Amino acid sequence: MFFKQRATDTATLSYFLGCAGHGLGIAVDVVAGDEDWFLSEAEKAGAAIAHVIDTHVHADHYSGGLALARRSGAAYRLHESNQGRAAFDFAPMTDGQRLEAGNVLVDVLHTPGHTPDSVCLLVRDLRRGDEPWFVITGDTLFFGAVGRPDLAGREQEMAALLHDSLHRKLLALPGDLEIYPGHQAGSACGVGLSGKPASTLGFEKRCNPMLSMPREEFVAALTRDIAPQPQEMARIIQANLRGVLPELARA
């Protein structure tokens, strides 16, 4: 397996991973303007980009996922709940669906809470074994924090959904799994994020204070002091749902 993590100046983390043996790659949470980097990394790896995935419709940055998919000929994937919302065709992901890129397998986990369409990606490398190796958690779970629940409105409801997603989906996974989130310290998508770019699920179970709270306490804590929403949030969401370039969205 090859695996690359890309950090931006806005604390967003993107990923490019795949199977070198079969020459197939997967791009996750591409930021607009980074498309050339992913194409360059694919060329270095001798891999065709098979899947471009956004873990949710982003509210804090413009997505480059659709643009990269069109340039590379890959399938662009969002959760199926965006059918009817997005103004373009995409390959819908469903809970429990398995995506393949040679020896690299990705299981889709629908984890609503940060947004209704949020997914996490459970990754296996069959050359290492059949057990999952790591999970890309998007904005569902960070290091020392969890995703904010207010971007879709209905903060109480979304916070409760997030608690369910964390405990029924992520915390049920093996504790030795590595986790890779969509943001690190400096992001507006959570409060109290660590600047470290990787952790394990077991460490977060022990040391992330949000993960030990009962449901009602979790909802109260998560909705008590919500940070200001990202600048231009409504414009960014609409641009990402329309599939337009940032400069056109600002026009």
Foldseek 3Di string as FASTA:
>chain_A
DDKDWDADPQQFIKIKDADLVQQEIETEQAAPPCLVVNVVVSVVSNHQYAEYEYQALDQFGATCRVVSCVVRVHFYEFAPVCVVQFPDDGDHDDQQDWDDHPQKIWGWHQQFQLHNGGIKIFIDRPVVHDATAAIEREQLDAQLKGFQRDLVHPLLVSQLSSLCSCVVPVLVGDQAHKYAYGGAPNHLGIPPGHNDGIDTNNCCCVRNVLNPDDRVVNSCVRPVDRDDGHPPRVLSSSCNSHVHHPVVSVD
